[in-house]
Protein backbone atom coordinates (compact mmCIF):
# COMPACT_ATOMS: atom_id res chain seq x y z
CA UNK A 1 265.75 -40.18 -211.19
CA UNK A 2 266.82 -42.53 -214.01
CA UNK A 3 264.70 -42.76 -217.15
CA UNK A 4 264.76 -45.30 -219.94
CA UNK A 5 264.84 -43.54 -223.31
CA UNK A 6 263.00 -44.99 -226.29
CA UNK A 7 262.24 -43.58 -229.74
CA UNK A 8 258.72 -43.10 -231.05
CA UNK A 9 257.53 -41.86 -234.43
CA UNK A 10 254.61 -39.48 -234.17
CA UNK A 11 251.72 -40.59 -236.38
CA UNK A 12 250.42 -37.02 -236.22
CA UNK A 13 253.49 -35.05 -237.35
CA UNK A 14 255.77 -37.65 -238.88
CA UNK A 15 258.60 -36.41 -236.69
CA UNK A 16 260.83 -38.55 -234.51
CA UNK A 17 260.80 -37.67 -230.82
CA UNK A 18 262.77 -38.95 -227.85
CA UNK A 19 260.50 -40.17 -225.08
CA UNK A 20 260.81 -41.38 -221.52
CA UNK A 21 258.61 -44.15 -220.29
CA UNK A 22 255.55 -42.55 -218.65
CA UNK A 23 255.98 -44.27 -215.27
CA UNK A 24 256.81 -41.25 -213.09
CA UNK A 25 257.54 -41.44 -209.40
CA UNK A 26 255.96 -38.47 -207.67
CA UNK A 27 256.82 -37.24 -204.21
CA UNK A 28 254.33 -38.51 -201.64
CA UNK A 29 253.29 -35.73 -199.22
CA UNK A 30 251.17 -38.17 -197.21
CA UNK A 31 252.88 -41.35 -195.95
CA UNK A 32 251.77 -44.07 -196.36
CA UNK A 33 250.16 -42.81 -199.55
CA UNK A 34 246.48 -43.21 -200.29
CA UNK A 35 245.22 -45.01 -203.38
CA UNK A 36 243.04 -41.98 -204.15
CA UNK A 37 244.71 -38.58 -203.94
CA UNK A 38 242.95 -35.24 -203.87
CA UNK A 39 243.77 -32.08 -205.81
CA UNK A 40 242.41 -28.93 -204.22
CA UNK A 41 241.34 -26.60 -207.04
CA UNK A 42 243.34 -23.36 -206.66
CA UNK A 43 244.40 -24.59 -203.24
CA UNK A 44 242.21 -24.63 -200.13
CA UNK A 45 240.24 -21.64 -201.32
CA UNK A 46 237.53 -22.27 -198.74
CA UNK A 47 239.90 -20.99 -196.05
CA UNK A 48 242.29 -18.60 -197.85
CA UNK A 49 242.37 -16.62 -201.12
CA UNK A 50 242.55 -18.82 -204.21
CA UNK A 51 245.99 -19.44 -205.70
CA UNK A 52 247.67 -17.85 -202.68
CA UNK A 53 250.59 -19.40 -200.84
CA UNK A 54 248.39 -19.66 -197.75
CA UNK A 55 245.73 -21.61 -199.66
CA UNK A 56 248.32 -23.98 -201.06
CA UNK A 57 250.26 -24.60 -197.85
CA UNK A 58 246.95 -25.22 -196.07
CA UNK A 59 246.68 -28.41 -198.13
CA UNK A 60 249.58 -29.85 -196.14
CA UNK A 61 247.89 -28.90 -192.86
CA UNK A 62 244.85 -30.95 -193.92
CA UNK A 63 246.76 -33.86 -195.51
CA UNK A 64 245.61 -32.98 -199.02
CA UNK A 65 248.21 -34.22 -201.49
CA UNK A 66 247.86 -31.79 -204.41
CA UNK A 67 247.03 -28.16 -205.11
CA UNK A 68 246.01 -27.03 -208.58
CA UNK A 69 247.34 -23.55 -209.35
CA UNK A 70 247.24 -21.30 -212.43
CA UNK A 71 250.30 -19.70 -213.99
CA UNK A 72 250.67 -16.81 -216.41
CA UNK A 73 253.30 -14.26 -217.41
CA UNK A 74 253.77 -10.73 -216.12
CA UNK A 75 254.77 -7.88 -218.41
CA UNK A 76 258.46 -8.49 -217.69
CA UNK A 77 258.21 -12.20 -218.45
CA UNK A 78 257.97 -13.58 -214.90
CA UNK A 79 255.62 -16.37 -213.94
CA UNK A 80 252.92 -15.38 -211.45
CA UNK A 81 250.21 -17.49 -209.84
CA UNK A 82 246.77 -16.16 -210.75
CA UNK A 83 243.85 -17.65 -212.66
CA UNK A 84 242.28 -14.70 -214.51
CA UNK A 85 244.03 -12.67 -217.18
CA UNK A 86 242.71 -9.58 -215.39
CA UNK A 87 243.18 -8.42 -211.80
CA UNK A 88 239.72 -7.21 -210.82
CA UNK A 89 237.99 -10.36 -209.52
CA UNK A 90 240.48 -11.39 -206.87
CA UNK A 91 242.60 -8.31 -206.15
CA UNK A 92 242.25 -4.59 -205.57
CA UNK A 93 244.10 -3.96 -208.83
CA UNK A 94 242.66 -3.20 -212.26
CA UNK A 95 243.79 -4.15 -215.73
CA UNK A 96 245.45 -7.10 -217.41
CA UNK A 97 248.03 -9.10 -215.52
CA UNK A 98 250.46 -8.91 -218.41
CA UNK A 99 250.35 -5.11 -218.36
CA UNK A 100 252.30 -5.04 -215.10
CA UNK A 101 255.82 -6.17 -214.19
CA UNK A 102 256.18 -8.57 -211.29
CA UNK A 103 257.32 -5.86 -208.88
CA UNK A 104 254.17 -3.82 -209.47
CA UNK A 105 251.89 -6.86 -209.34
CA UNK A 106 253.27 -7.71 -205.93
CA UNK A 107 252.38 -4.28 -204.59
CA UNK A 108 248.67 -5.04 -205.18
CA UNK A 109 246.49 -6.24 -202.31
CA UNK A 110 245.39 -9.74 -203.34
CA UNK A 111 243.64 -10.68 -200.10
CA UNK A 112 241.18 -8.01 -199.00
CA UNK A 113 238.56 -9.03 -201.53
CA UNK A 114 238.48 -12.36 -199.75
CA UNK A 115 238.57 -10.87 -196.22
CA UNK A 116 240.31 -8.01 -194.47
CA UNK A 117 242.39 -10.43 -192.40
CA UNK A 118 244.17 -11.42 -195.64
CA UNK A 119 245.05 -7.86 -196.70
CA UNK A 120 248.76 -8.67 -196.56
CA UNK A 121 248.41 -11.43 -199.19
CA UNK A 122 250.10 -10.69 -202.50
CA UNK A 123 250.18 -12.42 -205.88
CA UNK A 124 252.86 -15.09 -205.63
CA UNK A 125 255.56 -15.63 -208.18
CA UNK A 126 255.95 -19.24 -209.29
CA UNK A 127 259.40 -19.29 -207.68
CA UNK A 128 257.89 -18.28 -204.33
CA UNK A 129 255.14 -20.85 -204.64
CA UNK A 130 257.57 -23.66 -205.47
CA UNK A 131 259.71 -22.76 -202.48
CA UNK A 132 256.72 -22.61 -200.12
CA UNK A 133 255.38 -25.97 -201.34
CA UNK A 134 258.61 -27.94 -201.26
CA UNK A 135 258.33 -31.06 -199.15
CA UNK A 136 254.71 -30.17 -198.27
CA UNK A 137 252.31 -30.42 -201.19
CA UNK A 138 252.49 -31.39 -204.86
CA UNK A 139 251.49 -28.85 -207.51
CA UNK A 140 249.39 -29.20 -210.64
CA UNK A 141 250.61 -26.28 -212.78
CA UNK A 142 247.81 -25.15 -215.09
CA UNK A 143 249.79 -23.22 -217.67
CA UNK A 144 247.59 -20.39 -218.90
CA UNK A 145 250.45 -18.45 -220.52
CA UNK A 146 254.02 -19.53 -219.87
CA UNK A 147 257.60 -19.37 -221.08
CA UNK A 148 258.55 -23.08 -221.44
CA UNK A 149 262.29 -22.55 -220.94
CA UNK A 150 261.76 -20.40 -217.85
CA UNK A 151 259.17 -22.86 -216.51
CA UNK A 152 261.56 -25.80 -216.80
CA UNK A 153 264.39 -23.79 -215.25
CA UNK A 154 262.29 -22.66 -212.27
CA UNK A 155 261.03 -26.18 -211.56
CA UNK A 156 264.50 -27.67 -211.90
CA UNK A 157 266.32 -25.07 -209.82
CA UNK A 158 263.72 -25.33 -207.06
CA UNK A 159 264.32 -29.07 -206.72
CA UNK A 160 260.60 -29.63 -207.28
CA UNK A 161 260.68 -31.93 -210.31
CA UNK A 162 259.07 -34.79 -208.41
CA UNK A 163 256.44 -32.48 -206.90
CA UNK A 164 254.89 -30.92 -209.99
CA UNK A 165 252.94 -31.91 -213.03
CA UNK A 166 252.70 -29.48 -215.95
CA UNK A 167 249.29 -29.24 -217.61
CA UNK A 168 249.00 -27.63 -221.01
CA UNK A 169 248.70 -27.99 -224.75
CA UNK A 170 250.54 -30.64 -226.74
CA UNK A 171 253.08 -28.15 -228.16
CA UNK A 172 253.90 -26.97 -224.62
CA UNK A 173 254.29 -30.54 -223.38
CA UNK A 174 256.68 -31.36 -226.20
CA UNK A 175 258.82 -28.34 -225.32
CA UNK A 176 258.84 -29.28 -221.62
CA UNK A 177 259.88 -32.83 -222.51
CA UNK A 178 262.69 -31.61 -224.70
CA UNK A 179 263.97 -28.86 -222.40
CA UNK A 180 263.81 -31.00 -219.24
CA UNK A 181 265.13 -34.16 -220.90
CA UNK A 182 261.95 -35.86 -219.70
CA UNK A 183 262.56 -35.21 -216.02
CA UNK A 184 259.35 -33.18 -215.50
CA UNK A 185 255.93 -34.84 -215.50
CA UNK A 186 253.30 -33.58 -217.91
CA UNK A 187 249.55 -33.94 -218.37
CA UNK A 188 246.94 -32.90 -220.90
CA UNK A 189 243.27 -33.53 -221.61
CA UNK A 190 242.16 -36.90 -222.94
CA UNK A 191 238.70 -37.61 -224.35
CA UNK A 192 237.20 -41.05 -224.74
CA UNK A 193 236.76 -40.51 -228.49
CA UNK A 194 240.57 -40.38 -228.94
CA UNK A 195 242.73 -43.34 -229.85
CA UNK A 196 244.86 -44.14 -226.79
CA UNK A 197 247.85 -45.45 -228.75
CA UNK A 198 248.04 -42.37 -230.95
CA UNK A 199 247.47 -40.11 -227.94
CA UNK A 200 250.35 -41.74 -226.07
CA UNK A 201 252.71 -41.27 -228.99
CA UNK A 202 251.75 -37.65 -229.43
CA UNK A 203 251.45 -36.54 -225.80
CA UNK A 204 253.73 -38.98 -223.93
CA UNK A 205 252.07 -37.94 -220.64
CA UNK A 206 252.74 -39.02 -217.09
CA UNK A 207 249.05 -38.46 -216.34
CA UNK A 208 245.88 -37.59 -218.20
CA UNK A 209 243.05 -35.30 -217.19
CA UNK A 210 239.56 -36.48 -218.03
CA UNK A 211 236.14 -35.00 -217.41
CA UNK A 212 233.98 -37.08 -215.10
CA UNK A 213 231.46 -38.02 -217.79
CA UNK A 214 234.22 -39.32 -220.06
CA UNK A 215 235.72 -41.84 -217.62
CA UNK A 216 235.09 -45.56 -217.41
CA UNK A 217 236.93 -48.44 -215.78
CA UNK A 218 238.39 -49.76 -219.04
CA UNK A 219 240.01 -46.43 -219.90
CA UNK A 220 241.56 -46.20 -216.43
CA UNK A 221 242.90 -49.74 -216.74
CA UNK A 222 244.31 -49.01 -220.19
CA UNK A 223 246.21 -45.95 -218.97
CA UNK A 224 247.40 -47.70 -215.84
CA UNK A 225 248.80 -50.50 -218.00
CA UNK A 226 250.90 -47.83 -219.70
CA UNK A 227 252.07 -46.35 -216.39
CA UNK A 228 249.89 -43.26 -216.76
CA UNK A 229 247.84 -41.83 -213.88
CA UNK A 230 244.25 -40.71 -214.42
CA UNK A 231 242.97 -37.45 -212.95
CA UNK A 232 239.22 -36.87 -212.89
CA UNK A 233 238.15 -33.26 -213.18
CA UNK A 234 234.93 -33.06 -211.17
CA UNK A 235 234.43 -29.32 -210.77
CA UNK A 236 230.95 -27.82 -210.73
CA UNK A 237 227.74 -28.54 -208.84
CA UNK A 238 226.71 -31.38 -211.15
CA UNK A 239 229.95 -33.36 -210.72
CA UNK A 240 231.49 -32.38 -207.39
CA UNK A 241 229.09 -34.61 -205.45
CA UNK A 242 229.27 -37.84 -203.43
CA UNK A 243 227.49 -39.71 -206.22
CA UNK A 244 230.18 -38.78 -208.75
CA UNK A 245 233.04 -39.19 -206.25
CA UNK A 246 231.91 -42.76 -205.66
CA UNK A 247 231.70 -43.49 -209.37
CA UNK A 248 235.18 -42.11 -209.97
CA UNK A 249 236.63 -44.20 -207.14
CA UNK A 250 234.93 -47.30 -208.56
CA UNK A 251 236.40 -46.53 -211.98
CA UNK A 252 239.89 -46.55 -210.46
CA UNK A 253 241.01 -42.94 -210.93
CA UNK A 254 244.19 -41.86 -209.15
CA UNK A 255 243.46 -38.18 -208.52
CA UNK A 256 240.30 -36.13 -208.04
CA UNK A 257 240.42 -32.40 -208.77
CA UNK A 258 237.76 -30.82 -206.58
CA UNK A 259 236.50 -27.66 -204.93
CA UNK A 260 235.46 -29.79 -201.94
CA UNK A 261 238.60 -31.56 -200.70
CA UNK A 262 237.26 -32.04 -197.16
CA UNK A 263 234.04 -33.57 -198.49
CA UNK A 264 235.92 -35.97 -200.76
CA UNK A 265 238.31 -37.05 -198.01
CA UNK A 266 235.57 -37.78 -195.46
CA UNK A 267 233.41 -39.53 -198.06
CA UNK A 268 236.23 -41.74 -199.28
CA UNK A 269 237.49 -42.56 -195.78
CA UNK A 270 234.08 -43.63 -194.52
CA UNK A 271 233.59 -45.75 -197.62
CA UNK A 272 236.96 -47.43 -197.11
CA UNK A 273 237.26 -47.63 -193.33
CA UNK A 274 233.69 -48.03 -192.14
CA UNK A 275 233.20 -47.05 -188.50
CA UNK A 276 235.76 -44.67 -187.05
CA UNK A 277 237.57 -45.64 -183.83
CA UNK A 278 236.28 -42.63 -181.90
CA UNK A 279 233.83 -39.79 -182.32
CA UNK A 280 234.72 -36.32 -183.62
CA UNK A 281 233.31 -33.06 -182.30
CA UNK A 282 233.69 -30.14 -184.70
CA UNK A 283 234.63 -27.08 -182.62
CA UNK A 284 232.26 -24.14 -183.25
CA UNK A 285 231.03 -26.08 -186.27
CA UNK A 286 233.36 -26.62 -189.21
CA UNK A 287 235.15 -23.40 -188.25
CA UNK A 288 238.13 -24.12 -190.52
CA UNK A 289 235.96 -23.91 -193.62
CA UNK A 290 233.18 -21.51 -192.62
CA UNK A 291 232.77 -18.73 -190.03
CA UNK A 292 232.47 -20.19 -186.52
CA UNK A 293 229.10 -20.60 -184.81
CA UNK A 294 227.17 -19.66 -187.96
CA UNK A 295 224.56 -21.72 -189.76
CA UNK A 296 227.12 -22.32 -192.52
CA UNK A 297 229.69 -23.78 -190.15
CA UNK A 298 227.06 -25.94 -188.48
CA UNK A 299 225.60 -27.28 -191.71
CA UNK A 300 229.09 -27.89 -193.10
CA UNK A 301 230.03 -29.91 -190.02
CA UNK A 302 226.84 -31.93 -190.41
CA UNK A 303 227.56 -32.49 -194.11
CA UNK A 304 231.04 -33.79 -193.31
CA UNK A 305 229.52 -36.25 -190.84
CA UNK A 306 230.47 -34.76 -187.47
CA UNK A 307 229.40 -36.91 -184.54
CA UNK A 308 229.05 -33.80 -182.37
CA UNK A 309 228.84 -30.17 -183.42
CA UNK A 310 230.04 -27.85 -180.67
CA UNK A 311 228.31 -24.48 -180.38
CA UNK A 312 228.57 -21.66 -177.81
CA UNK A 313 225.44 -20.09 -176.31
CA UNK A 314 225.08 -16.59 -174.93
CA UNK A 315 222.17 -14.35 -173.96
CA UNK A 316 221.40 -10.97 -175.52
CA UNK A 317 220.22 -7.81 -173.74
CA UNK A 318 216.60 -8.76 -174.53
CA UNK A 319 217.01 -12.30 -173.19
CA UNK A 320 217.36 -14.05 -176.56
CA UNK A 321 219.78 -16.93 -176.92
CA UNK A 322 222.38 -16.70 -179.69
CA UNK A 323 225.47 -18.57 -180.83
CA UNK A 324 228.63 -16.65 -180.04
CA UNK A 325 231.87 -17.77 -178.40
CA UNK A 326 233.24 -14.44 -177.17
CA UNK A 327 231.43 -12.21 -174.69
CA UNK A 328 232.31 -9.33 -177.05
CA UNK A 329 231.05 -9.09 -180.63
CA UNK A 330 234.19 -7.39 -181.90
CA UNK A 331 236.20 -10.29 -183.30
CA UNK A 332 233.52 -11.85 -185.51
CA UNK A 333 231.15 -8.94 -186.25
CA UNK A 334 233.16 -5.76 -185.70
CA UNK A 335 230.71 -4.34 -183.15
CA UNK A 336 232.23 -2.85 -180.01
CA UNK A 337 229.14 -3.64 -177.92
CA UNK A 338 229.12 -6.85 -175.84
CA UNK A 339 226.63 -9.64 -176.54
CA UNK A 340 224.66 -8.97 -173.37
CA UNK A 341 224.50 -5.29 -174.25
CA UNK A 342 222.99 -5.84 -177.69
CA UNK A 343 219.39 -6.64 -178.61
CA UNK A 344 218.71 -9.43 -181.09
CA UNK A 345 217.36 -7.08 -183.77
CA UNK A 346 220.49 -4.95 -183.56
CA UNK A 347 222.66 -8.05 -183.71
CA UNK A 348 220.82 -9.25 -186.82
CA UNK A 349 222.14 -6.25 -188.73
CA UNK A 350 225.74 -7.37 -188.18
CA UNK A 351 227.62 -9.69 -190.51
CA UNK A 352 228.97 -12.73 -188.68
CA UNK A 353 230.82 -14.00 -191.74
CA UNK A 354 232.53 -11.15 -193.60
CA UNK A 355 235.54 -11.33 -191.25
CA UNK A 356 236.12 -14.89 -192.44
CA UNK A 357 235.37 -14.55 -196.15
CA UNK A 358 233.30 -12.00 -198.05
CA UNK A 359 231.43 -14.94 -199.58
CA UNK A 360 229.82 -15.30 -196.12
CA UNK A 361 229.01 -11.61 -195.67
CA UNK A 362 225.28 -12.34 -195.41
CA UNK A 363 225.73 -14.75 -192.49
CA UNK A 364 224.13 -13.43 -189.32
CA UNK A 365 224.54 -14.39 -185.67
CA UNK A 366 222.08 -17.29 -185.36
CA UNK A 367 219.70 -17.94 -182.53
CA UNK A 368 220.02 -21.16 -180.56
CA UNK A 369 216.84 -22.50 -182.19
CA UNK A 370 218.20 -21.80 -185.67
CA UNK A 371 221.47 -23.48 -184.82
CA UNK A 372 219.76 -26.59 -183.50
CA UNK A 373 217.70 -26.90 -186.70
CA UNK A 374 220.85 -26.53 -188.84
CA UNK A 375 222.42 -29.55 -187.16
CA UNK A 376 220.04 -31.78 -189.08
CA UNK A 377 218.74 -35.24 -188.20
CA UNK A 378 221.98 -37.18 -187.66
CA UNK A 379 224.60 -35.20 -185.73
CA UNK A 380 224.53 -34.60 -182.00
CA UNK A 381 225.04 -31.16 -180.49
CA UNK A 382 227.71 -30.23 -177.97
CA UNK A 383 226.16 -27.31 -176.07
CA UNK A 384 228.74 -25.05 -174.48
CA UNK A 385 226.51 -23.09 -172.10
CA UNK A 386 228.64 -19.97 -171.95
CA UNK A 387 225.85 -17.69 -170.70
CA UNK A 388 222.37 -19.20 -170.67
CA UNK A 389 220.09 -19.86 -167.72
CA UNK A 390 219.72 -23.62 -166.97
CA UNK A 391 215.92 -23.30 -167.20
CA UNK A 392 216.18 -21.93 -170.75
CA UNK A 393 218.64 -24.62 -171.78
CA UNK A 394 216.47 -27.40 -170.35
CA UNK A 395 213.54 -26.03 -172.36
CA UNK A 396 215.64 -25.93 -175.54
CA UNK A 397 216.64 -29.58 -175.08
CA UNK A 398 213.00 -30.58 -174.58
CA UNK A 399 211.69 -28.46 -177.47
CA UNK A 400 214.29 -29.86 -179.85
CA UNK A 401 213.76 -33.42 -178.61
CA UNK A 402 217.52 -33.69 -178.21
CA UNK A 403 217.60 -36.16 -175.33
CA UNK A 404 219.57 -38.80 -177.24
CA UNK A 405 221.84 -36.47 -179.18
CA UNK A 406 223.27 -33.74 -177.02
CA UNK A 407 225.78 -33.03 -174.29
CA UNK A 408 225.99 -29.92 -172.12
CA UNK A 409 229.33 -28.48 -171.09
CA UNK A 410 229.53 -26.13 -168.12
CA UNK A 411 230.78 -26.04 -164.56
CA UNK A 412 229.94 -28.82 -162.14
CA UNK A 413 227.64 -26.44 -160.28
CA UNK A 414 225.76 -25.50 -163.45
CA UNK A 415 225.46 -29.15 -164.47
CA UNK A 416 223.99 -29.99 -161.07
CA UNK A 417 221.30 -27.31 -161.46
CA UNK A 418 220.47 -28.51 -164.98
CA UNK A 419 220.23 -32.11 -163.79
CA UNK A 420 217.70 -31.08 -161.15
CA UNK A 421 215.61 -29.33 -163.79
CA UNK A 422 215.91 -32.04 -166.45
CA UNK A 423 217.16 -35.47 -165.30
CA UNK A 424 217.55 -36.57 -168.94
CA UNK A 425 220.16 -33.87 -169.67
CA UNK A 426 223.45 -35.42 -170.79
CA UNK A 427 225.97 -33.57 -168.66
CA UNK A 428 229.61 -33.00 -169.63
CA UNK A 429 231.33 -31.18 -166.75
CA UNK A 430 235.05 -30.38 -166.92
CA UNK A 431 237.61 -32.71 -165.37
CA UNK A 432 240.97 -31.07 -164.76
CA UNK A 433 242.42 -33.73 -162.45
CA UNK A 434 241.75 -37.40 -161.83
CA UNK A 435 241.58 -36.51 -158.13
CA UNK A 436 238.24 -34.84 -158.87
CA UNK A 437 236.67 -37.84 -160.60
CA UNK A 438 234.60 -39.04 -157.64
CA UNK A 439 233.21 -35.55 -157.07
CA UNK A 440 232.24 -35.24 -160.74
CA UNK A 441 230.87 -38.80 -160.86
CA UNK A 442 228.50 -37.99 -157.99
CA UNK A 443 226.14 -36.10 -160.33
CA UNK A 444 226.16 -39.09 -162.73
CA UNK A 445 227.25 -37.24 -165.85
CA UNK A 446 227.04 -38.63 -169.36
CA UNK A 447 230.71 -37.81 -169.81
CA UNK A 448 233.51 -35.49 -168.82
CA UNK A 449 235.39 -32.89 -170.79
CA UNK A 450 238.85 -33.87 -169.62
CA UNK A 451 241.85 -31.62 -169.85
CA UNK A 452 244.06 -33.13 -172.56
CA UNK A 453 247.08 -33.21 -170.28
CA UNK A 454 245.46 -35.66 -167.84
CA UNK A 455 244.49 -38.23 -170.46
CA UNK A 456 245.97 -41.69 -169.97
CA UNK A 457 244.88 -45.28 -170.36
CA UNK A 458 244.29 -45.53 -166.61
CA UNK A 459 242.36 -42.26 -166.43
CA UNK A 460 240.02 -43.26 -169.28
CA UNK A 461 239.58 -46.75 -167.84
CA UNK A 462 238.57 -45.31 -164.48
CA UNK A 463 235.96 -43.08 -166.16
CA UNK A 464 234.60 -45.97 -168.19
CA UNK A 465 234.36 -48.13 -165.06
CA UNK A 466 231.97 -45.50 -163.68
CA UNK A 467 229.95 -45.40 -166.91
CA UNK A 468 231.36 -42.01 -167.89
CA UNK A 469 232.49 -41.20 -171.44
CA UNK A 470 235.65 -39.19 -172.01
CA UNK A 471 235.63 -36.15 -174.29
CA UNK A 472 238.66 -33.89 -174.69
CA UNK A 473 239.62 -30.80 -176.67
CA UNK A 474 242.69 -31.37 -178.83
CA UNK A 475 242.92 -27.65 -179.49
CA UNK A 476 246.16 -25.77 -179.99
CA UNK A 477 249.39 -27.70 -179.39
CA UNK A 478 247.62 -31.06 -179.19
CA UNK A 479 246.24 -30.86 -182.74
CA UNK A 480 248.58 -33.47 -184.22
CA UNK A 481 248.59 -37.10 -185.30
CA UNK A 482 250.76 -38.33 -182.42
CA UNK A 483 248.43 -36.89 -179.79
CA UNK A 484 245.27 -38.11 -181.50
CA UNK A 485 246.59 -41.65 -181.91
CA UNK A 486 247.76 -41.84 -178.33
CA UNK A 487 244.30 -40.83 -177.11
CA UNK A 488 242.62 -43.29 -179.49
CA UNK A 489 244.87 -46.08 -178.20
CA UNK A 490 243.87 -45.21 -174.63
CA UNK A 491 240.19 -45.45 -175.55
CA UNK A 492 239.00 -41.84 -175.71
CA UNK A 493 235.37 -41.53 -176.77
CA UNK A 494 235.35 -38.15 -178.54
CA UNK A 495 238.01 -35.73 -179.79
CA UNK A 496 237.03 -32.09 -180.20
CA UNK A 497 239.03 -30.45 -182.97
CA UNK A 498 239.57 -27.43 -185.20
CA UNK A 499 241.27 -29.73 -187.77
CA UNK A 500 238.89 -32.57 -188.64
CA UNK A 501 241.00 -33.76 -191.58
CA UNK A 502 243.97 -34.25 -189.27
CA UNK A 503 241.89 -36.45 -186.99
CA UNK A 504 240.68 -38.31 -190.07
CA UNK A 505 244.29 -39.02 -191.01
CA UNK A 506 244.89 -40.50 -187.57
CA UNK A 507 241.91 -42.80 -188.17
CA UNK A 508 243.42 -43.93 -191.48
CA UNK A 509 246.73 -44.74 -189.83
CA UNK A 510 244.99 -46.67 -187.05
CA UNK A 511 243.18 -48.76 -189.65
CA UNK A 512 246.38 -49.34 -191.62
CA UNK A 513 248.17 -50.58 -188.49
CA UNK A 514 245.34 -52.98 -187.68
CA UNK A 515 245.37 -54.36 -191.21
CA UNK A 516 249.09 -55.06 -190.95
CA UNK A 517 248.67 -57.08 -187.76
């Protein structure tokens, strides 16, 4: 990258410093780039331990452009990625980080406090994090305690100069500028009470960080005129909200640092795009961000604006109806007893969330009634009737007054029985082959759950001609932009997904293509 060098005289120190123009071209992880980019605070910590490689790389899986990570020094002068100066909160270690050399730090379990399934996670060195992030996600390096020369060398040798921004004090920024010959972007805090001209001379930043309550449109415009990006720090319950997100977007900020990247992305996309081209069904609730089939995953899916929230229903030993995908309780609760061999009271003693994240340790296996209430007033429910008598399900639909916002997935035989009991039930039998369409259509279903492999323009058109909607599960190998967009082009009505932000990206690309035509 070529930089134009100018000379500025610092009004603060009286010294002469070499400076590159602040216009800095960052790598774009998401193409075409969005006007508003999101920084996930300490990575996607809602699905993996904070500041871990897995939390950072998960940003790329969800089309989040930036991860904010924290850097400090080990005893032997190596950069490690951890927020606290002590080990206790996030790892099974004890003591100060800088009391241990890198080798010993990386022997410490840094995942089990989050959940046992992450017990292999270790504290990452900065070098490891840079390598894992290359070509995937940009990094905001919050420099808690660093060696400037080593920092510049690691960034440069990793080939990540266009993928990082260094946040720190003014003395640190000046050292980074000097050591890197202005090839590494820097950022520091700006407050509205400061003089912009003096700040620019002193800090020479590529971007500024501002607290949400300090930002206005004029400040954003002033920094943009100087080629400087504006990052809004919106952490905390008071600021990390749709109301503040909207204000920041209206002010013209470039980046939002948030603990709720999925919320920001859905909020901003709906604001910008309006109606989506097809409906989204969140599989087992928002199971990427909360433990599946729990009240948390259901309410999170509703908060993100799911059109349908898919839940699985089974029956306990004492004939109670609960939300559980597997016939065995082992995977999500640790119990070796099957669902139908366990009474509801016994099941209530089990954690349905600790396996996912200890923050959800108090989540219990919900009843069907509880799950239906958690869906809220807007979303529809996708009832996967794994093991529930049709009579009981018909009663649940009536009791919840769900006639206009539900579908029921089960075998054709089951759907026929349910239809006889409740003609208003919105049936969604499976369709594995177009050859079976007439047989399925005979029970006049609301829709079909079509196998993804049989989707085509002709297949969907034939269903629509019979007044049948087409739902399909893009789970596993089909969870990608190419597959989503192909199905959208063919006219699919609803995509069921484990990766709602991937589907959202497909919607953005569809809108961009239409705008170009």
